């Protein structure tokens, strides 16, 4: 059997292993991309016949020839470590020294409260609500898209983020001003569910094998997406399901709103999350609390916002006053 006929079977094993370990669909797609790239880079050789030296040469190529970012190079390395450790189950060996892509020291773009409100005023309907949750709750774009009815707790005014970055759950603030719009959004989800039930039970996509454990979960209100896609699609098994709104649609709407708001600096959906953090810190919120609300693994990640605010100088003032 030649190498090219082995490759599809290898990729099937990669996907199966990732699904057993419950990696996110985005991680699966990314890792498969880097593994295929690695195989093509070495002339479609099977990874089983390669090891540390070939991985080092590939990472060198990414840094020196492709000029990729540090995070991108690390992503490729993680994909290959996963391949050798969990799929091929063979030691990768010593990779040795290789050129590291430089990590740029850049501060995030943040908005003042007035600028953030100007951006939100340029959005309408569900897009405005999603923008408000990114700014008012500190949600990531994908976390906002993946919200379900069950994740909103009006009594305690909290939003539960499930399987966020790093596959972790957390709770964060639910802005009081968002409550009426969220109630309308849930009413809309109920109407859409009633319509789909009348038309033939199109369920929403569910995590892992939940639909087998709870067969009616996909057509219960609690599991409905707060921000569903405009039309059903096919899942991996060929079943017709309803997915959440695609993140690119939200990105496009927010970028347009930021241009229309005539901001002095370009921004994105993540700018709203950055602004949430800086606003809390500027109002005296403890940095550990902000870390928990944002879902950062390390407080060092959250500390970048103190530099944005200029709070990292221990009260030192300019000699000019």
Protein backbone atom coordinates (compact mmCIF):
# COMPACT_ATOMS: atom_id res chain seq x y z
CA UNK A 1 0.00 0.00 0.00
CA UNK A 2 1.53 3.36 -0.98
CA UNK A 3 1.74 6.46 1.19
CA UNK A 4 -1.03 8.35 -0.56
CA UNK A 5 -3.51 5.55 0.08
CA UNK A 6 -2.49 5.51 3.75
CA UNK A 7 -3.03 9.25 4.30
CA UNK A 8 -6.86 9.28 4.20
CA UNK A 9 -6.94 6.44 6.75
CA UNK A 10 -4.49 8.35 8.91
CA UNK A 11 -6.67 11.46 8.86
CA UNK A 12 -9.71 9.35 9.76
CA UNK A 13 -7.78 8.11 12.79
CA UNK A 14 -6.82 11.69 13.71
CA UNK A 15 -10.46 12.82 13.58
CA UNK A 16 -11.72 9.79 15.50
CA UNK A 17 -9.12 10.28 18.26
CA UNK A 18 -9.98 13.96 18.60
CA UNK A 19 -13.68 13.20 18.88
CA UNK A 20 -13.09 10.57 21.55
CA UNK A 21 -11.09 13.15 23.50
CA UNK A 22 -13.84 15.74 22.87
CA UNK A 23 -11.75 18.32 21.12
CA UNK A 24 -13.75 21.19 19.66
CA UNK A 25 -14.65 21.17 15.93
CA UNK A 26 -12.44 24.23 15.42
CA UNK A 27 -9.44 22.51 17.00
CA UNK A 28 -10.10 19.41 14.91
CA UNK A 29 -10.16 21.46 11.72
CA UNK A 30 -6.99 23.35 12.68
CA UNK A 31 -4.99 20.27 13.70
CA UNK A 32 -6.00 18.42 10.53
CA UNK A 33 -4.82 21.40 8.47
CA UNK A 34 -1.35 21.39 10.06
CA UNK A 35 -0.95 17.61 9.86
CA UNK A 36 -1.82 17.64 6.14
CA UNK A 37 0.53 20.58 5.60
CA UNK A 38 3.34 18.68 7.39
CA UNK A 39 2.78 15.61 5.20
CA UNK A 40 2.79 17.65 1.98
CA UNK A 41 5.87 19.61 3.07
CA UNK A 42 7.84 16.35 3.29
CA UNK A 43 6.73 15.01 -0.10
CA UNK A 44 3.64 13.11 1.10
CA UNK A 45 5.69 10.83 3.33
CA UNK A 46 3.81 9.00 6.07
CA UNK A 47 4.44 10.65 9.48
CA UNK A 48 5.22 7.21 10.91
CA UNK A 49 8.44 7.18 8.90
CA UNK A 50 9.44 10.62 10.21
CA UNK A 51 10.28 12.11 13.58
CA UNK A 52 11.96 14.99 15.41
CA UNK A 53 14.27 16.18 12.59
CA UNK A 54 11.39 16.44 10.12
CA UNK A 55 9.22 18.29 12.64
CA UNK A 56 12.08 20.71 13.34
CA UNK A 57 12.57 21.37 9.62
CA UNK A 58 8.85 22.05 9.23
CA UNK A 59 8.74 24.50 12.15
CA UNK A 60 11.87 26.24 10.79
CA UNK A 61 10.10 26.63 7.45
CA UNK A 62 7.06 28.23 9.10
CA UNK A 63 9.19 30.78 10.99
CA UNK A 64 11.86 31.58 8.38
CA UNK A 65 10.05 31.17 5.05
CA UNK A 66 6.41 31.74 5.93
CA UNK A 67 7.05 34.35 8.68
CA UNK A 68 4.11 33.04 10.72
CA UNK A 69 3.24 34.46 14.13
CA UNK A 70 4.50 32.81 17.31
CA UNK A 71 1.01 31.55 18.18
CA UNK A 72 0.66 29.99 14.72
CA UNK A 73 3.97 28.15 15.01
CA UNK A 74 2.98 26.86 18.47
CA UNK A 75 -0.36 25.72 17.05
CA UNK A 76 1.41 23.68 14.36
CA UNK A 77 3.73 22.16 16.98
CA UNK A 78 0.77 21.21 19.19
CA UNK A 79 -0.94 19.50 16.25
CA UNK A 80 2.13 17.39 15.48
CA UNK A 81 2.71 16.50 19.15
CA UNK A 82 -0.93 15.33 19.27
CA UNK A 83 -0.42 13.27 16.11
CA UNK A 84 2.62 11.40 17.41
CA UNK A 85 1.48 11.02 21.02
CA UNK A 86 -2.19 10.11 20.63
CA UNK A 87 -2.63 8.80 17.08
CA UNK A 88 0.64 7.17 16.03
CA UNK A 89 1.54 6.38 19.66
CA UNK A 90 5.23 6.63 18.94
CA UNK A 91 7.78 8.94 20.58
CA UNK A 92 8.46 12.07 18.60
CA UNK A 93 12.01 12.20 19.87
CA UNK A 94 14.11 15.27 20.45
CA UNK A 95 13.06 18.09 18.15
CA UNK A 96 16.11 20.11 19.10
CA UNK A 97 16.58 23.83 18.66
CA UNK A 98 14.69 25.62 15.91
CA UNK A 99 13.95 29.21 14.94
CA UNK A 100 11.12 30.56 17.02
CA UNK A 101 8.65 32.96 15.48
CA UNK A 102 8.83 36.25 17.37
CA UNK A 103 5.90 37.13 19.60
CA UNK A 104 5.07 40.81 19.06
CA UNK A 105 4.51 42.89 22.19
CA UNK A 106 1.33 44.70 21.25
CA UNK A 107 -1.33 46.14 23.49
CA UNK A 108 -4.96 45.38 22.66
CA UNK A 109 -7.17 48.05 21.14
CA UNK A 110 -9.83 49.15 23.64
CA UNK A 111 -12.74 51.55 23.47
CA UNK A 112 -13.97 54.10 25.96
CA UNK A 113 -17.50 53.54 27.28
CA UNK A 114 -18.79 56.30 25.01
CA UNK A 115 -17.13 54.71 21.95
CA UNK A 116 -18.51 51.28 22.82
CA UNK A 117 -22.02 52.69 23.12
CA UNK A 118 -21.60 54.44 19.75
CA UNK A 119 -20.71 51.11 18.17
CA UNK A 120 -23.70 49.36 19.77
CA UNK A 121 -26.01 52.11 18.55
CA UNK A 122 -25.03 51.20 14.98
CA UNK A 123 -26.26 47.62 15.48
CA UNK A 124 -29.85 46.41 15.63
CA UNK A 125 -31.85 43.34 16.57
CA UNK A 126 -29.97 40.20 17.60
CA UNK A 127 -26.66 41.68 16.40
CA UNK A 128 -26.99 44.54 18.87
CA UNK A 129 -27.76 42.08 21.67
CA UNK A 130 -24.71 39.99 20.76
CA UNK A 131 -22.51 43.09 20.73
CA UNK A 132 -23.95 44.13 24.10
CA UNK A 133 -23.09 40.74 25.62
CA UNK A 134 -19.52 40.89 24.31
CA UNK A 135 -19.09 44.35 25.86
CA UNK A 136 -21.34 43.94 28.92
CA UNK A 137 -20.44 40.34 29.85
CA UNK A 138 -16.94 40.00 28.39
CA UNK A 139 -17.90 37.08 26.15
CA UNK A 140 -15.75 35.89 23.26
CA UNK A 141 -17.40 35.90 19.85
CA UNK A 142 -17.85 32.13 19.66
CA UNK A 143 -19.08 31.98 23.27
CA UNK A 144 -21.79 34.49 22.34
CA UNK A 145 -22.81 32.53 19.24
CA UNK A 146 -23.06 29.32 21.28
CA UNK A 147 -25.36 30.63 24.01
CA UNK A 148 -28.48 28.56 24.64
CA UNK A 149 -31.69 29.48 26.47
CA UNK A 150 -30.57 27.45 29.51
CA UNK A 151 -27.43 29.58 29.90
CA UNK A 152 -29.34 32.72 30.92
CA UNK A 153 -30.25 33.09 34.60
CA UNK A 154 -32.45 36.16 35.04
CA UNK A 155 -32.92 35.68 38.81
CA UNK A 156 -29.19 35.76 39.61
CA UNK A 157 -28.32 37.95 36.61
CA UNK A 158 -25.56 35.67 35.37
CA UNK A 159 -24.61 34.13 32.04
CA UNK A 160 -23.13 30.63 32.05
CA UNK A 161 -20.47 30.00 29.41
CA UNK A 162 -20.25 26.28 28.70
CA UNK A 163 -17.22 24.61 27.12
CA UNK A 164 -15.46 27.93 26.56
CA UNK A 165 -11.81 28.23 25.62
CA UNK A 166 -9.94 25.26 27.08
CA UNK A 167 -13.27 23.38 27.35
CA UNK A 168 -14.03 25.17 30.65
CA UNK A 169 -17.33 26.40 32.07
CA UNK A 170 -17.62 29.74 33.85
CA UNK A 171 -20.20 32.33 34.87
CA UNK A 172 -20.11 36.03 34.14
CA UNK A 173 -22.24 39.14 34.53
CA UNK A 174 -25.64 39.56 32.88
CA UNK A 175 -26.17 43.31 32.28
CA UNK A 176 -29.58 44.44 33.50
CA UNK A 177 -30.08 46.49 30.32
CA UNK A 178 -29.88 43.26 28.27
CA UNK A 179 -32.70 41.50 30.14
CA UNK A 180 -35.67 42.81 28.06
CA UNK A 181 -33.88 41.98 24.77
CA UNK A 182 -32.91 38.53 26.04
CA UNK A 183 -36.50 37.84 27.07
CA UNK A 184 -37.62 38.81 23.56
CA UNK A 185 -34.92 36.58 22.07
CA UNK A 186 -36.10 33.61 24.15
CA UNK A 187 -39.69 34.27 23.05
CA UNK A 188 -38.46 34.25 19.46
CA UNK A 189 -36.67 30.93 20.10
CA UNK A 190 -39.93 29.50 21.44
CA UNK A 191 -41.85 30.61 18.34
CA UNK A 192 -39.20 29.17 16.02
CA UNK A 193 -39.25 25.90 17.96
CA UNK A 194 -43.05 25.67 17.71
CA UNK A 195 -42.82 26.27 13.96
CA UNK A 196 -40.15 23.59 13.48
CA UNK A 197 -42.14 21.10 15.54
CA UNK A 198 -45.18 21.77 13.36
CA UNK A 199 -43.06 21.28 10.24
CA UNK A 200 -41.37 18.05 11.32
CA UNK A 201 -39.11 18.20 14.39
CA UNK A 202 -35.85 19.78 13.23
CA UNK A 203 -33.65 19.56 16.36
CA UNK A 204 -30.78 21.86 17.30
CA UNK A 205 -27.23 20.55 17.33
CA UNK A 206 -26.27 19.13 20.72
CA UNK A 207 -22.91 18.57 22.43
CA UNK A 208 -21.29 15.13 22.13
CA UNK A 209 -23.83 12.26 22.41
CA UNK A 210 -26.47 14.14 24.40
CA UNK A 211 -29.16 13.44 21.80
CA UNK A 212 -28.82 9.71 22.49
CA UNK A 213 -28.98 10.18 26.25
CA UNK A 214 -31.87 12.66 26.09
CA UNK A 215 -33.72 12.08 22.78
CA UNK A 216 -36.01 15.11 23.25
CA UNK A 217 -33.31 17.60 24.28
CA UNK A 218 -32.92 18.88 20.72
CA UNK A 219 -36.56 20.00 20.63
CA UNK A 220 -36.78 21.38 24.18
CA UNK A 221 -36.72 25.15 24.77
CA UNK A 222 -33.82 24.99 27.25
CA UNK A 223 -31.42 23.63 24.61
CA UNK A 224 -32.39 26.02 21.81
CA UNK A 225 -29.75 28.40 20.49
CA UNK A 226 -30.31 32.01 21.52
CA UNK A 227 -28.90 33.07 18.16
CA UNK A 228 -29.77 30.35 15.64
CA UNK A 229 -28.68 30.18 12.01
CA UNK A 230 -31.15 31.44 9.43
CA UNK A 231 -31.73 27.95 8.01
CA UNK A 232 -31.12 24.28 8.97
CA UNK A 233 -28.10 22.33 7.73
CA UNK A 234 -26.79 18.76 7.65
CA UNK A 235 -24.63 17.44 10.50
CA UNK A 236 -21.77 14.91 10.13
CA UNK A 237 -24.24 12.01 10.04
CA UNK A 238 -26.41 13.59 7.34
CA UNK A 239 -29.24 14.52 9.74
CA UNK A 240 -31.01 17.86 9.27
CA UNK A 241 -30.29 20.09 12.30
CA UNK A 242 -30.30 23.74 13.28
CA UNK A 243 -26.91 25.23 14.15
CA UNK A 244 -26.10 28.58 15.81
CA UNK A 245 -25.39 31.74 13.81
CA UNK A 246 -22.06 31.69 11.99
CA UNK A 247 -19.42 33.88 13.70
CA UNK A 248 -18.44 35.51 10.38
CA UNK A 249 -21.90 37.12 10.13
CA UNK A 250 -21.41 38.77 13.53
CA UNK A 251 -17.85 39.83 12.70
CA UNK A 252 -19.04 41.50 9.52
CA UNK A 253 -21.84 43.38 11.32
CA UNK A 254 -19.58 44.59 14.16
CA UNK A 255 -16.79 45.71 11.82
CA UNK A 256 -19.33 47.69 9.78
CA UNK A 257 -20.70 49.24 12.98
CA UNK A 258 -17.21 50.27 14.07
CA UNK A 259 -16.54 51.92 10.71
CA UNK A 260 -19.87 53.71 10.83
CA UNK A 261 -19.18 54.89 14.40
CA UNK A 262 -16.08 56.73 13.06
CA UNK A 263 -13.66 55.32 15.59
CA UNK A 264 -10.09 56.59 15.56
CA UNK A 265 -8.75 52.99 15.84
CA UNK A 266 -9.84 49.87 13.93
CA UNK A 267 -11.57 47.26 16.04
CA UNK A 268 -13.32 43.89 16.02
CA UNK A 269 -15.63 41.77 18.17
CA UNK A 270 -12.72 41.03 20.51
CA UNK A 271 -12.27 44.78 21.01
CA UNK A 272 -15.61 44.78 22.83
CA UNK A 273 -14.35 42.04 25.18
CA UNK A 274 -11.08 43.96 25.74
CA UNK A 275 -13.13 47.05 26.56
CA UNK A 276 -15.20 45.10 29.11
CA UNK A 277 -11.98 44.23 30.98
CA UNK A 278 -10.50 47.73 30.94
CA UNK A 279 -13.77 49.30 32.05
CA UNK A 280 -13.99 46.96 35.07
CA UNK A 281 -10.36 47.59 36.06
CA UNK A 282 -10.69 51.34 35.65
CA UNK A 283 -13.65 51.24 38.06
CA UNK A 284 -11.61 49.45 40.72
CA UNK A 285 -12.62 45.81 40.17
CA UNK A 286 -10.06 43.35 41.57
CA UNK A 287 -7.89 41.85 38.82
CA UNK A 288 -8.56 38.29 40.04
CA UNK A 289 -12.29 38.87 39.64
CA UNK A 290 -11.76 40.19 36.12
CA UNK A 291 -9.62 37.12 35.39
CA UNK A 292 -12.47 34.81 36.44
CA UNK A 293 -15.09 36.74 34.48
CA UNK A 294 -12.95 36.61 31.34
CA UNK A 295 -12.04 32.94 31.82
CA UNK A 296 -8.29 33.53 31.65
CA UNK A 297 -6.16 30.60 32.77
CA UNK A 298 -3.44 32.88 34.14
CA UNK A 299 -3.66 36.30 35.77
CA UNK A 300 -0.68 37.31 33.62
CA UNK A 301 -2.99 37.33 30.62
CA UNK A 302 -5.36 39.70 32.42
CA UNK A 303 -2.51 41.98 33.50
CA UNK A 304 -2.07 43.21 29.92
CA UNK A 305 -5.07 45.45 30.55
CA UNK A 306 -3.30 47.24 33.38
CA UNK A 307 -0.69 48.36 30.82
CA UNK A 308 -3.46 49.62 28.56
CA UNK A 309 -4.74 51.73 31.45
CA UNK A 310 -1.26 52.90 32.39
CA UNK A 311 -1.60 51.43 35.87
CA UNK A 312 1.67 49.55 35.67
CA UNK A 313 3.86 52.48 36.72
CA UNK A 314 3.25 52.31 40.50
CA UNK A 315 1.93 55.87 40.66
CA UNK A 316 4.97 57.40 38.96
CA UNK A 317 4.14 60.78 37.34
CA UNK A 318 5.74 62.51 34.43
CA UNK A 319 8.18 65.34 35.40
CA UNK A 320 6.06 67.62 33.22
CA UNK A 321 3.19 67.11 35.63
